[in-house]
Amino acid sequence: MYQYTQDDQTLIDERVAQFRGQTERFLKGELDGDQFRALRLMNGLYIQTHAPMLRVAGPYGLLSSRQLRKLAEIARKYDKGYCHFTTRQNIQYNWPKLEEVPDILAELAEVQMHAIQTSGNCMRNTTTDPLSGVCKDEIEDPRPYCEIIRQWTTLHPEFAFLPRKFKIAVSGALHDRAATQFHDIGLHLVKNDAGEIGFKVFVGGGLGRTPVIGQVIRPFLEKKHLLSYLEAIVRIYNLFGRRDNKYKARIKILVKEEGLEKITELVEQEWQLNKDSLELSDERIESIKAQFAPPAYETDADLDGSFNDRLQDNPTFATWVQQNTADHRVPGYRAAFISLKAPDAPPGDITDAQLDLVADLADRFSFGEVRSTHRQNLVLTDVKQTDLFTLWQALDAANLATPNIGSATDIICCPGLDFCSLANAGSIGITREINHALDDLDYLHDLGDIKINISGCMNGCAHQSVGHIGILGVDKKGEEWYQITLGGSSENDAAIGERLGPAVAKDQITRAVQDILDVYIKQRQEGESFLHTVKRVGITPFKEQVYANH
């Protein structure tokens, strides 16, 4: 993984010192709330319902064991013994004291971490596929390009005050596991007819109040032009994006109102003026690639037959392997997902003790690295098959081995009313109810790949618009109700879910989910997934069943 240079470290250390001074001035009354708001947002600090919330950057989801241990230490020392992994591969602390935030940032800087640009109207954390570098369907590892983008975006002077926040995602595989089509800019590594690898560029995607699928603005971009073309897009957005209405300020609205053809013309004109100024040399690309070199895999890891023996002897372990591990490009290795979706735990939360354990397991079994995922889980990407049984035992003892990755209880869930001051309805409690209702693992696994996303307000932090089953909390005269959508997807077949009908009351939403799943079981064809069933039969059968009972 990328290691800071002295310039990197100096920049982060100086930012910590700067924010410490700003915080002290605010606490002394020398800065008012509005003045401090802009400063704290630049450093990832929000004010939530109960306490400040600090969002820490997890660049493209990659963390070292040393960084995990520091996150655990901060959770113990400054928070309530846990932290939270988000859908953008970041980390959040929900209970820090304002006066101690500079101390937290100073400790993060010790392990090459920070909270810069995790909030505010700026370019946010660049995200990618959590299986980057190990998946079999990969054209090229996207992480070096994520790092190049990270360095370009960090404290970019021209783009510090954009019309709204701006998000970039990169995918290097045939299967889009990075939700690229729902980002302001999405990048796919692709091969052209000549066999050259470059980028397909999407623009104008996004979720929130107005979900929009991104459109292809350039089918093939040479690698050397990556930064110059990105800069041209962001510059046009900065010039023409609306600033009079924050709900219409995202680039998706600009593209929709002006049309892709007009935006493409503007971007191309801007790019032609500056395309040579940011050209990436082969040497630059290769120097970053060198920091993501493959680890020292064992060449004979697939020859040990003990793994297959364990699968035969222990059905519970076999179920976990089937549900929570993924194929690896190196024979004898697998990627092992760590579920942060135990039935009684808030989705995405992890305790300090669990963090320390995962750090130890990463050192023992996965070359000291761990990834965070878009569905608020973790993954050890480089585990030998013969080590999986020991790993599973350790995870199981720590409540981190629920075999539900990709299942209906692997729910994306925002904080909702429990923490967020913007929320209209609760999310965590509803998630717990659904988990308890679907606690039969045989039934759960028979349902197959089902993605349920639950948001407590229209901001859609849990991406309910692209859930196979999307649930959105709304307020009705002070009561919590929930709208349901079906058929969304954030993958290659990007789709926005179709609204099922009127919102249902809080005490009926779990029953409604069960009704939807019952219809799927009755309507599906042999081997057919939930999403394909919804596309084939439409939402009418689901609608009839849900509203017949409510």
Protein backbone atom coordinates (compact mmCIF):
# COMPACT_ATOMS: atom_id res chain seq x y z
CA MET A 1 0.00 0.00 0.00
CA TYR A 2 1.04 3.60 -0.52
CA GLN A 3 3.40 5.05 2.08
CA TYR A 4 3.56 8.77 2.81
CA THR A 5 6.51 10.80 1.63
CA GLN A 6 7.94 13.48 3.90
CA ASP A 7 5.87 16.04 1.99
CA ASP A 8 2.71 14.05 2.68
CA GLN A 9 3.47 13.81 6.38
CA THR A 10 4.35 17.48 6.66
CA LEU A 11 1.08 18.49 5.00
CA ILE A 12 -0.98 16.37 7.41
CA ASP A 13 0.95 17.49 10.50
CA GLU A 14 0.56 21.14 9.56
CA ARG A 15 -3.16 20.70 8.98
CA VAL A 16 -3.51 19.19 12.48
CA ALA A 17 -1.72 22.17 14.03
CA GLN A 18 -3.84 24.57 12.01
CA PHE A 19 -7.11 22.99 13.10
CA ARG A 20 -5.97 22.85 16.73
CA GLY A 21 -5.56 26.61 16.66
CA GLN A 22 -8.94 27.09 14.99
CA THR A 23 -10.68 24.89 17.57
CA GLU A 24 -9.05 26.73 20.46
CA ARG A 25 -10.14 30.07 19.01
CA PHE A 26 -13.71 28.81 18.66
CA LEU A 27 -13.82 27.51 22.22
CA LYS A 28 -12.54 30.89 23.44
CA GLY A 29 -15.29 32.69 21.52
CA GLU A 30 -12.92 34.27 19.02
CA LEU A 31 -14.71 32.51 16.14
CA ASP A 32 -18.50 32.31 15.88
CA GLY A 33 -20.43 29.22 14.86
CA ASP A 34 -20.68 30.10 11.18
CA GLN A 35 -16.97 30.88 10.93
CA PHE A 36 -16.02 27.62 12.65
CA ARG A 37 -18.51 25.55 10.66
CA ALA A 38 -16.59 26.00 7.42
CA LEU A 39 -13.33 25.15 9.17
CA ARG A 40 -14.57 22.04 10.94
CA LEU A 41 -16.20 20.67 7.80
CA MET A 42 -12.85 20.91 6.04
CA ASN A 43 -11.59 18.53 8.70
CA GLY A 44 -14.41 16.00 8.68
CA LEU A 45 -16.23 17.25 11.78
CA TYR A 46 -20.04 17.33 11.86
CA ILE A 47 -22.46 18.25 14.63
CA GLN A 48 -24.99 15.44 15.05
CA THR A 49 -27.94 14.92 17.38
CA HIS A 50 -26.00 13.94 20.50
CA ALA A 51 -22.39 14.90 19.88
CA PRO A 52 -19.89 15.82 17.17
CA MET A 53 -19.20 13.16 14.56
CA LEU A 54 -15.72 12.81 13.09
CA ARG A 55 -15.35 11.15 9.68
CA VAL A 56 -11.91 9.72 8.95
CA ALA A 57 -10.73 9.09 5.40
CA GLY A 58 -10.07 5.51 4.33
CA PRO A 59 -8.41 6.04 0.96
CA TYR A 60 -10.00 3.59 -1.51
CA GLY A 61 -10.84 1.39 1.50
CA LEU A 62 -7.29 0.16 2.17
CA LEU A 63 -6.03 -0.01 5.76
CA SER A 64 -2.97 -1.49 7.43
CA SER A 65 -3.03 -3.46 10.66
CA ARG A 66 -1.18 -0.59 12.33
CA GLN A 67 -3.92 1.82 11.27
CA LEU A 68 -6.61 -0.55 12.56
CA ARG A 69 -4.94 -0.65 15.95
CA LYS A 70 -4.85 3.13 16.03
CA LEU A 71 -8.57 3.27 15.18
CA ALA A 72 -9.19 0.88 18.09
CA GLU A 73 -7.09 3.00 20.43
CA ILE A 74 -8.99 6.15 19.45
CA ALA A 75 -12.32 4.36 19.97
CA ARG A 76 -11.25 3.43 23.51
CA LYS A 77 -9.65 6.73 24.43
CA TYR A 78 -11.91 9.30 22.81
CA ASP A 79 -15.19 7.59 21.94
CA LYS A 80 -17.46 4.89 23.40
CA GLY A 81 -15.38 1.89 22.40
CA TYR A 82 -16.47 1.53 18.78
CA CYS A 83 -16.41 3.16 15.36
CA HIS A 84 -18.46 2.84 12.19
CA PHE A 85 -17.56 1.96 8.59
CA THR A 86 -19.49 3.87 5.93
CA THR A 87 -20.60 3.14 2.37
CA ARG A 88 -17.74 5.34 1.10
CA GLN A 89 -15.09 3.20 2.79
CA ASN A 90 -14.57 5.82 5.51
CA ILE A 91 -14.61 5.53 9.31
CA GLN A 92 -16.81 7.53 11.67
CA TYR A 93 -16.68 8.26 15.40
CA ASN A 94 -20.04 9.30 16.84
CA TRP A 95 -19.08 10.51 20.32
CA PRO A 96 -15.85 12.56 20.30
CA LYS A 97 -15.57 15.69 22.42
CA LEU A 98 -15.01 18.80 20.36
CA GLU A 99 -12.00 19.91 22.37
CA GLU A 100 -10.35 16.52 21.86
CA VAL A 101 -10.79 16.30 18.08
CA PRO A 102 -7.39 17.92 17.37
CA ASP A 103 -5.79 15.26 19.59
CA ILE A 104 -7.56 12.55 17.60
CA LEU A 105 -6.32 14.04 14.34
CA ALA A 106 -2.79 14.20 15.72
CA GLU A 107 -2.91 10.51 16.62
CA LEU A 108 -4.29 9.64 13.18
CA ALA A 109 -1.41 11.53 11.58
CA GLU A 110 1.00 9.19 13.40
CA VAL A 111 -0.27 6.33 11.20
CA GLN A 112 -0.70 8.28 7.95
CA MET A 113 -4.42 8.96 8.32
CA HIS A 114 -6.48 12.13 8.37
CA ALA A 115 -10.00 13.56 8.03
CA ILE A 116 -9.31 16.14 5.34
CA GLN A 117 -12.08 16.52 2.72
CA THR A 118 -14.36 13.91 4.26
CA SER A 119 -17.04 16.61 4.40
CA GLY A 120 -17.81 19.98 2.84
CA ASN A 121 -18.21 21.07 -0.77
CA CYS A 122 -15.02 19.54 -2.07
CA MET A 123 -13.69 16.40 -3.75
CA ARG A 124 -14.25 13.54 -1.34
CA ASN A 125 -12.57 10.19 -0.75
CA THR A 126 -12.00 8.28 -4.00
CA THR A 127 -13.46 4.78 -3.72
CA THR A 128 -12.96 1.49 -5.54
CA ASP A 129 -13.68 -2.22 -5.66
CA PRO A 130 -12.73 -3.87 -2.32
CA LEU A 131 -11.41 -6.85 -4.30
CA SER A 132 -9.02 -4.71 -6.35
CA GLY A 133 -5.80 -6.51 -7.19
CA VAL A 134 -7.09 -10.00 -6.36
CA CYS A 135 -10.31 -10.59 -8.34
CA LYS A 136 -10.23 -12.87 -11.35
CA ASP A 137 -12.21 -10.55 -13.61
CA GLU A 138 -9.84 -7.61 -13.28
CA ILE A 139 -8.44 -5.82 -16.33
CA GLU A 140 -5.97 -3.87 -14.21
CA ASP A 141 -5.60 -2.95 -10.54
CA PRO A 142 -7.33 0.44 -10.08
CA ARG A 143 -5.68 1.31 -6.76
CA PRO A 144 -2.63 3.08 -8.23
CA TYR A 145 -4.97 5.38 -10.15
CA CYS A 146 -7.04 5.95 -7.02
CA GLU A 147 -3.86 7.03 -5.26
CA ILE A 148 -2.91 9.35 -8.13
CA ILE A 149 -6.39 10.89 -7.93
CA ARG A 150 -6.12 11.14 -4.13
CA GLN A 151 -2.93 13.12 -4.38
CA TRP A 152 -4.40 15.40 -7.04
CA THR A 153 -7.63 16.07 -5.13
CA THR A 154 -6.15 16.65 -1.67
CA LEU A 155 -6.31 20.39 -0.92
CA HIS A 156 -6.63 21.25 -4.60
CA PRO A 157 -6.74 25.06 -4.35
CA GLU A 158 -9.15 25.61 -7.25
CA PHE A 159 -11.72 23.09 -6.01
CA ALA A 160 -11.85 23.77 -2.27
CA PHE A 161 -15.30 25.40 -2.53
CA LEU A 162 -17.29 23.59 -5.20
CA PRO A 163 -21.06 24.09 -5.61
CA ARG A 164 -21.51 20.80 -3.70
CA LYS A 165 -19.58 17.69 -2.68
CA PHE A 166 -17.94 15.73 -5.48
CA LYS A 167 -17.27 11.98 -5.57
CA ILE A 168 -15.13 9.80 -7.84
CA ALA A 169 -15.07 6.00 -8.05
CA VAL A 170 -12.79 3.72 -10.08
CA SER A 171 -13.33 0.12 -11.17
CA GLY A 172 -10.76 -2.13 -12.81
CA ALA A 173 -12.88 -5.25 -13.22
CA LEU A 174 -15.55 -6.49 -15.61
CA HIS A 175 -17.99 -6.60 -12.67
CA ASP A 176 -18.56 -3.14 -11.25
CA ARG A 177 -18.34 -3.52 -7.49
CA ALA A 178 -17.65 0.20 -6.97
CA ALA A 179 -21.05 1.69 -7.91
CA THR A 180 -19.24 3.87 -10.46
CA GLN A 181 -22.38 4.84 -12.37
CA PHE A 182 -23.76 6.60 -9.30
CA HIS A 183 -20.80 8.92 -8.78
CA ASP A 184 -20.16 12.43 -10.04
CA ILE A 185 -17.37 10.83 -12.07
CA GLY A 186 -17.08 7.10 -12.60
CA LEU A 187 -14.03 5.50 -14.20
CA HIS A 188 -13.82 2.01 -15.72
CA LEU A 189 -10.50 0.58 -16.81
CA VAL A 190 -11.20 -0.86 -20.26
CA LYS A 191 -9.37 -2.19 -23.32
CA ASN A 192 -9.85 -0.60 -26.73
CA ASP A 193 -9.79 -2.41 -30.04
CA ALA A 194 -6.00 -2.08 -30.17
CA GLY A 195 -5.65 -3.85 -26.82
CA GLU A 196 -4.59 -0.67 -25.00
CA ILE A 197 -5.89 -0.08 -21.46
CA GLY A 198 -7.45 3.25 -20.65
CA PHE A 199 -10.56 4.67 -19.00
CA LYS A 200 -14.23 4.79 -19.90
CA VAL A 201 -15.47 7.97 -18.22
CA PHE A 202 -18.97 8.39 -16.78
CA VAL A 203 -20.29 11.73 -15.58
CA GLY A 204 -23.35 13.02 -13.75
CA GLY A 205 -24.29 10.05 -11.61
CA GLY A 206 -25.49 10.38 -8.04
CA LEU A 207 -27.95 9.31 -5.38
CA GLY A 208 -29.63 11.35 -2.64
CA ARG A 209 -32.87 13.22 -3.32
CA THR A 210 -32.53 12.93 -7.08
CA PRO A 211 -30.91 9.62 -8.06
CA VAL A 212 -29.39 9.68 -11.54
CA ILE A 213 -27.41 7.10 -13.52
CA GLY A 214 -24.17 8.49 -14.92
CA GLN A 215 -23.64 8.80 -18.68
CA VAL A 216 -20.57 8.04 -20.75
CA ILE A 217 -18.83 11.29 -21.58
CA ARG A 218 -15.76 9.63 -23.10
CA PRO A 219 -15.64 5.95 -24.16
CA PHE A 220 -11.84 5.75 -24.04
CA LEU A 221 -9.32 8.04 -22.35
CA GLU A 222 -5.60 7.38 -22.45
CA LYS A 223 -4.06 6.92 -19.03
CA LYS A 224 -1.71 9.84 -19.48
CA HIS A 225 -4.68 12.19 -19.75
CA LEU A 226 -6.45 10.99 -16.60
CA LEU A 227 -5.86 14.04 -14.41
CA SER A 228 -6.17 16.64 -17.16
CA TYR A 229 -9.56 15.26 -18.20
CA LEU A 230 -10.81 15.01 -14.63
CA GLU A 231 -9.69 18.57 -14.04
CA ALA A 232 -11.56 19.73 -17.13
CA ILE A 233 -14.77 18.11 -15.89
CA VAL A 234 -14.49 19.55 -12.39
CA ARG A 235 -13.56 22.97 -13.75
CA ILE A 236 -16.69 23.08 -15.94
CA TYR A 237 -18.77 21.98 -12.96
CA ASN A 238 -17.14 24.64 -10.77
CA LEU A 239 -17.91 27.31 -13.36
CA PHE A 240 -21.47 26.35 -14.26
CA GLY A 241 -22.82 24.31 -11.33
CA ARG A 242 -25.68 25.97 -9.50
CA ARG A 243 -24.90 27.67 -6.20
CA ASP A 244 -28.33 29.19 -5.55
CA ASN A 245 -29.98 25.91 -4.47
CA LYS A 246 -28.03 23.16 -2.74
CA TYR A 247 -30.55 20.55 -3.86
CA LYS A 248 -29.76 21.38 -7.48
CA ALA A 249 -26.06 22.00 -7.10
CA ARG A 250 -24.66 18.56 -7.95
CA ILE A 251 -23.12 17.89 -11.36
CA LYS A 252 -25.92 15.41 -12.09
CA ILE A 253 -28.34 18.36 -12.24
CA LEU A 254 -25.99 20.35 -14.47
CA VAL A 255 -25.68 17.43 -16.90
CA LYS A 256 -29.44 16.85 -16.84
CA GLU A 257 -30.33 20.51 -17.43
CA GLU A 258 -27.68 21.26 -20.06
CA GLY A 259 -27.62 17.84 -21.69
CA LEU A 260 -24.69 15.48 -22.11
CA GLU A 261 -23.84 16.82 -25.56
CA LYS A 262 -23.40 20.38 -24.28
CA ILE A 263 -21.41 19.31 -21.23
CA THR A 264 -19.19 17.12 -23.39
CA GLU A 265 -18.52 20.07 -25.70
CA LEU A 266 -17.59 22.33 -22.78
CA VAL A 267 -15.36 19.73 -21.19
CA GLU A 268 -13.58 18.97 -24.47
CA GLN A 269 -12.93 22.66 -25.07
CA GLU A 270 -11.54 23.11 -21.58
CA TRP A 271 -9.48 19.95 -21.85
CA GLN A 272 -7.87 20.95 -25.14
CA LEU A 273 -6.63 24.15 -23.51
CA ASN A 274 -4.90 22.34 -20.63
CA LYS A 275 -4.44 18.67 -21.61
CA ASP A 276 -0.65 18.84 -21.65
CA SER A 277 -0.28 20.57 -18.30
CA LEU A 278 -1.17 17.52 -16.19
CA GLU A 279 0.01 14.70 -18.41
CA LEU A 280 0.92 11.55 -16.48
CA SER A 281 4.23 10.04 -17.49
CA ASP A 282 4.77 6.31 -17.66
CA GLU A 283 7.41 6.73 -14.96
CA ARG A 284 4.92 8.42 -12.65
CA ILE A 285 2.35 5.68 -13.14
CA GLU A 286 4.90 2.92 -12.65
CA SER A 287 6.28 4.52 -9.48
CA ILE A 288 2.82 4.45 -7.90
CA LYS A 289 2.12 0.95 -9.19
CA ALA A 290 5.28 -0.23 -7.43
CA GLN A 291 3.68 0.62 -4.08
CA PHE A 292 0.85 -1.81 -4.83
CA ALA A 293 3.03 -4.75 -5.85
CA PRO A 294 1.52 -8.18 -5.08
CA PRO A 295 2.58 -9.73 -1.77
CA ALA A 296 4.74 -12.84 -1.55
CA TYR A 297 2.12 -15.48 -2.33
CA GLU A 298 3.04 -19.12 -1.85
CA THR A 299 3.21 -20.86 -5.21
CA ASP A 300 1.98 -24.22 -3.89
CA ALA A 301 -0.84 -22.99 -1.63
CA ASP A 302 -3.41 -25.01 -3.56
CA LEU A 303 -1.68 -28.35 -3.02
CA ASP A 304 -2.67 -28.82 0.63
CA GLY A 305 -5.83 -30.95 0.78
CA SER A 306 -6.72 -30.10 4.40
CA PHE A 307 -9.03 -27.28 3.28
CA ASN A 308 -11.34 -29.65 1.42
CA ASP A 309 -11.29 -32.02 4.38
CA ARG A 310 -12.45 -29.21 6.66
CA LEU A 311 -15.28 -28.38 4.27
CA GLN A 312 -16.45 -31.97 4.35
CA ASP A 313 -16.17 -32.34 8.12
CA ASN A 314 -17.75 -29.05 9.24
CA PRO A 315 -20.97 -27.90 7.50
CA THR A 316 -21.05 -24.63 9.47
CA PHE A 317 -17.58 -23.73 8.26
CA ALA A 318 -18.52 -24.77 4.73
CA THR A 319 -21.52 -22.44 4.82
CA TRP A 320 -19.32 -19.54 5.90
CA VAL A 321 -16.83 -20.26 3.11
CA GLN A 322 -19.60 -20.38 0.54
CA GLN A 323 -21.26 -17.19 1.75
CA ASN A 324 -18.40 -15.04 3.05
CA THR A 325 -15.42 -15.78 0.80
CA ALA A 326 -14.67 -14.96 -2.83
CA ASP A 327 -12.45 -16.35 -5.57
CA HIS A 328 -8.86 -15.16 -5.78
CA ARG A 329 -6.67 -14.83 -8.85
CA VAL A 330 -3.90 -16.84 -7.14
CA PRO A 331 -4.60 -20.59 -6.74
CA GLY A 332 -4.89 -21.65 -3.11
CA TYR A 333 -6.02 -18.23 -1.82
CA ARG A 334 -9.42 -16.68 -1.17
CA ALA A 335 -10.73 -13.28 -0.08
CA ALA A 336 -12.51 -13.58 3.28
CA PHE A 337 -15.24 -11.10 4.18
CA ILE A 338 -15.69 -10.03 7.80
CA SER A 339 -19.38 -9.43 8.42
CA LEU A 340 -20.22 -6.30 10.41
CA LYS A 341 -23.88 -7.33 10.21
CA ALA A 342 -24.36 -9.60 13.21
CA PRO A 343 -28.09 -9.77 14.10
CA ASP A 344 -27.91 -7.57 17.20
CA ALA A 345 -25.20 -5.13 16.04
CA PRO A 346 -25.83 -1.85 14.19
CA PRO A 347 -24.66 -2.38 10.59
CA GLY A 348 -21.11 -1.19 10.01
CA ASP A 349 -20.21 -0.82 13.68
CA ILE A 350 -17.12 -2.50 15.12
CA THR A 351 -15.76 -2.42 18.66
CA ASP A 352 -12.23 -1.58 19.73
CA ALA A 353 -11.60 -5.21 20.74
CA GLN A 354 -12.85 -6.43 17.37
CA LEU A 355 -10.62 -3.93 15.57
CA ASP A 356 -7.59 -5.17 17.48
CA LEU A 357 -8.52 -8.75 16.63
CA VAL A 358 -8.93 -7.97 12.93
CA ALA A 359 -5.53 -6.27 12.95
CA ASP A 360 -3.98 -9.39 14.47
CA LEU A 361 -5.73 -11.62 11.94
CA ALA A 362 -4.61 -9.38 9.08
CA ASP A 363 -1.02 -9.77 10.24
CA ARG A 364 -1.37 -13.54 10.58
CA PHE A 365 -3.31 -14.33 7.46
CA SER A 366 -3.45 -11.42 4.97
CA PHE A 367 -0.08 -9.65 4.78
CA GLY A 368 -1.11 -6.99 7.31
CA GLU A 369 -3.85 -5.37 5.21
CA VAL A 370 -7.63 -5.14 5.36
CA ARG A 371 -10.20 -3.45 3.10
CA SER A 372 -13.52 -1.80 3.85
CA THR A 373 -16.44 -2.40 1.48
CA HIS A 374 -19.35 -0.38 0.13
CA ARG A 375 -21.75 -2.56 2.09
CA GLN A 376 -20.14 -1.64 5.42
CA ASN A 377 -18.15 -4.84 5.90
CA LEU A 378 -14.43 -5.65 5.90
CA VAL A 379 -12.41 -8.10 3.83
CA LEU A 380 -9.06 -9.83 4.17
CA THR A 381 -8.17 -10.27 0.52
CA ASP A 382 -5.19 -12.63 0.65
CA VAL A 383 -5.96 -15.61 2.89
CA LYS A 384 -4.60 -19.07 2.14
CA GLN A 385 -7.36 -21.67 1.92
CA THR A 386 -5.59 -23.76 4.54
CA ASP A 387 -5.82 -20.81 6.98
CA LEU A 388 -9.52 -20.19 6.49
CA PHE A 389 -10.66 -22.61 9.19
CA THR A 390 -8.50 -20.99 11.88
CA LEU A 391 -9.55 -17.54 10.67
CA TRP A 392 -13.22 -18.52 10.78
CA GLN A 393 -12.92 -19.83 14.32
CA ALA A 394 -11.37 -16.56 15.50
CA LEU A 395 -13.98 -14.44 13.73
CA ASP A 396 -16.83 -16.62 14.98
CA ALA A 397 -15.69 -16.24 18.58
CA ALA A 398 -15.74 -12.44 18.11
CA ASN A 399 -19.22 -12.28 16.48
CA LEU A 400 -17.67 -11.36 13.13
CA ALA A 401 -18.52 -14.49 11.14
CA THR A 402 -22.25 -14.18 10.46
CA PRO A 403 -22.56 -15.99 7.09
CA ASN A 404 -24.67 -13.34 5.42
CA ILE A 405 -22.50 -11.48 2.89
CA GLY A 406 -24.73 -10.62 -0.07
CA SER A 407 -27.83 -11.91 1.68
CA ALA A 408 -31.00 -10.16 2.81
CA THR A 409 -29.53 -9.44 6.26
CA ASP A 410 -26.37 -7.84 4.84
CA ILE A 411 -28.26 -4.56 5.07
CA ILE A 412 -26.82 -1.12 4.36
CA CYS A 413 -28.21 1.18 7.02
CA CYS A 414 -27.64 4.84 7.85
CA PRO A 415 -27.61 6.11 11.48
CA GLY A 416 -31.18 7.41 11.18
CA LEU A 417 -32.83 9.09 14.15
CA ASP A 418 -30.46 7.38 16.57
CA PHE A 419 -27.69 9.82 15.64
CA CYS A 420 -28.43 12.00 12.60
CA SER A 421 -30.06 15.41 13.03
CA LEU A 422 -31.36 15.28 9.45
CA ALA A 423 -33.22 11.98 9.76
CA ASN A 424 -37.00 11.66 9.55
CA ALA A 425 -37.15 8.08 10.77
CA GLY A 426 -35.13 5.38 12.44
CA SER A 427 -33.02 2.89 10.50
CA ILE A 428 -31.03 0.82 13.00
CA GLY A 429 -34.11 -0.49 14.82
CA ILE A 430 -35.82 -1.45 11.57
CA THR A 431 -32.70 -3.28 10.46
CA ARG A 432 -32.65 -5.23 13.71
CA GLU A 433 -36.33 -6.19 13.29
CA ILE A 434 -35.74 -7.45 9.74
CA ASN A 435 -32.67 -9.41 10.87
CA HIS A 436 -34.67 -11.12 13.62
CA ALA A 437 -37.50 -11.91 11.19
CA LEU A 438 -35.03 -13.54 8.77
CA ASP A 439 -32.92 -15.40 11.33
CA ASP A 440 -33.31 -18.81 9.64
CA LEU A 441 -30.01 -19.23 7.77
CA ASP A 442 -31.30 -21.98 5.49
CA TYR A 443 -34.15 -19.72 4.42
CA LEU A 444 -31.80 -16.75 4.10
CA HIS A 445 -29.29 -18.56 1.91
CA ASP A 446 -32.06 -20.02 -0.25
CA LEU A 447 -33.14 -16.48 -1.09
CA GLY A 448 -29.74 -15.80 -2.64
CA ASP A 449 -28.33 -12.38 -3.49
CA ILE A 450 -30.66 -9.72 -2.10
CA LYS A 451 -29.51 -6.23 -1.25
CA ILE A 452 -31.66 -4.29 1.22
CA ASN A 453 -30.74 -0.63 1.81
CA ILE A 454 -32.39 1.52 4.50
CA SER A 455 -32.13 5.33 4.77
CA GLY A 456 -33.71 7.55 7.38
CA CYS A 457 -34.15 10.56 5.09
CA MET A 458 -34.09 11.74 1.47
CA ASN A 459 -30.34 12.35 1.57
CA GLY A 460 -30.07 8.61 1.01
CA CYS A 461 -26.79 7.92 2.78
CA ALA A 462 -27.64 4.19 2.71
CA HIS A 463 -28.31 4.24 -1.04
CA GLN A 464 -31.90 3.06 -0.79
CA SER A 465 -32.55 4.15 -4.39
CA VAL A 466 -30.31 1.36 -5.71
CA GLY A 467 -31.24 -1.37 -3.27
CA HIS A 468 -32.89 -4.48 -4.64
CA ILE A 469 -35.28 -3.56 -1.84
CA GLY A 470 -34.98 0.09 -0.89
CA ILE A 471 -36.53 1.49 2.29
CA LEU A 472 -36.78 5.25 2.88
CA GLY A 473 -37.92 6.74 6.17
CA VAL A 474 -40.38 9.64 5.93
CA ASP A 475 -42.17 11.78 8.48
CA LYS A 476 -45.97 11.86 8.56
CA LYS A 477 -47.26 14.30 11.16
CA GLY A 478 -44.54 13.30 13.60
CA GLU A 479 -44.79 9.57 12.95
CA GLU A 480 -42.25 7.33 11.22
CA TRP A 481 -43.36 5.79 7.91
CA TYR A 482 -41.39 4.03 5.20
CA GLN A 483 -41.50 4.11 1.42
CA ILE A 484 -40.43 0.97 -0.46
CA THR A 485 -38.75 0.67 -3.85
CA LEU A 486 -37.89 -2.49 -5.79
CA GLY A 487 -35.44 -3.34 -8.54
CA GLY A 488 -32.55 -0.95 -7.92
CA SER A 489 -28.93 -1.87 -8.66
CA SER A 490 -25.57 -0.11 -8.36
CA GLU A 491 -23.66 -2.68 -10.43
CA ASN A 492 -23.24 -3.13 -14.20
CA ASP A 493 -27.02 -3.23 -14.67
CA ALA A 494 -27.39 0.13 -12.91
CA ALA A 495 -31.03 0.90 -12.11
CA ILE A 496 -33.05 3.13 -9.82
CA GLY A 497 -35.69 1.29 -7.83
CA GLU A 498 -39.38 1.70 -8.67
CA ARG A 499 -41.63 2.92 -5.90
CA LEU A 500 -44.00 0.20 -4.72
CA GLY A 501 -46.82 2.43 -3.49
CA PRO A 502 -47.79 4.50 -0.43
CA ALA A 503 -45.51 4.48 2.60
CA VAL A 504 -46.22 1.87 5.28
CA ALA A 505 -46.21 2.46 9.01
CA LYS A 506 -43.22 1.65 11.20
CA ASP A 507 -44.90 -1.37 12.78
CA GLN A 508 -45.67 -2.81 9.33
CA ILE A 509 -42.39 -2.43 7.44
CA THR A 510 -40.85 -5.74 8.52
CA ARG A 511 -44.01 -7.61 7.54
CA ALA A 512 -43.91 -5.82 4.18
CA VAL A 513 -40.34 -7.04 3.56
CA GLN A 514 -41.42 -10.58 4.41
CA ASP A 515 -44.33 -10.29 1.99
CA ILE A 516 -41.98 -9.15 -0.78
CA LEU A 517 -39.69 -12.11 -0.16
CA ASP A 518 -42.65 -14.51 -0.09
CA VAL A 519 -43.77 -13.25 -3.52
CA TYR A 520 -40.25 -13.75 -4.83
CA ILE A 521 -40.23 -17.36 -3.64
CA LYS A 522 -43.55 -18.01 -5.37
CA GLN A 523 -42.71 -16.19 -8.60
CA ARG A 524 -39.07 -17.07 -9.22
CA GLN A 525 -37.98 -19.51 -11.87
CA GLU A 526 -35.29 -22.14 -11.39
CA GLY A 527 -32.07 -20.45 -10.29
CA GLU A 528 -33.49 -16.96 -10.81
CA SER A 529 -32.25 -14.14 -8.58
CA PHE A 530 -34.51 -11.68 -6.80
CA LEU A 531 -33.49 -8.81 -9.08
CA HIS A 532 -34.15 -10.80 -12.24
CA THR A 533 -37.55 -11.91 -10.92
CA VAL A 534 -38.54 -8.29 -10.25
CA LYS A 535 -37.45 -7.30 -13.76
CA ARG A 536 -39.36 -10.18 -15.33
CA VAL A 537 -42.69 -9.96 -13.48
CA GLY A 538 -42.71 -6.26 -12.59
CA ILE A 539 -43.71 -4.81 -9.22
CA THR A 540 -47.45 -5.49 -9.44
CA PRO A 541 -47.41 -8.93 -7.73
CA PHE A 542 -45.31 -7.52 -4.90
CA LYS A 543 -47.52 -4.47 -4.58
CA GLU A 544 -50.70 -6.55 -4.40
CA GLN A 545 -49.28 -8.77 -1.66
CA VAL A 546 -47.89 -5.93 0.47
CA TYR A 547 -50.99 -3.76 0.40
CA ALA A 548 -53.37 -6.68 0.80
CA ASN A 549 -51.92 -7.14 4.27
CA HIS A 550 -51.53 -3.49 5.23
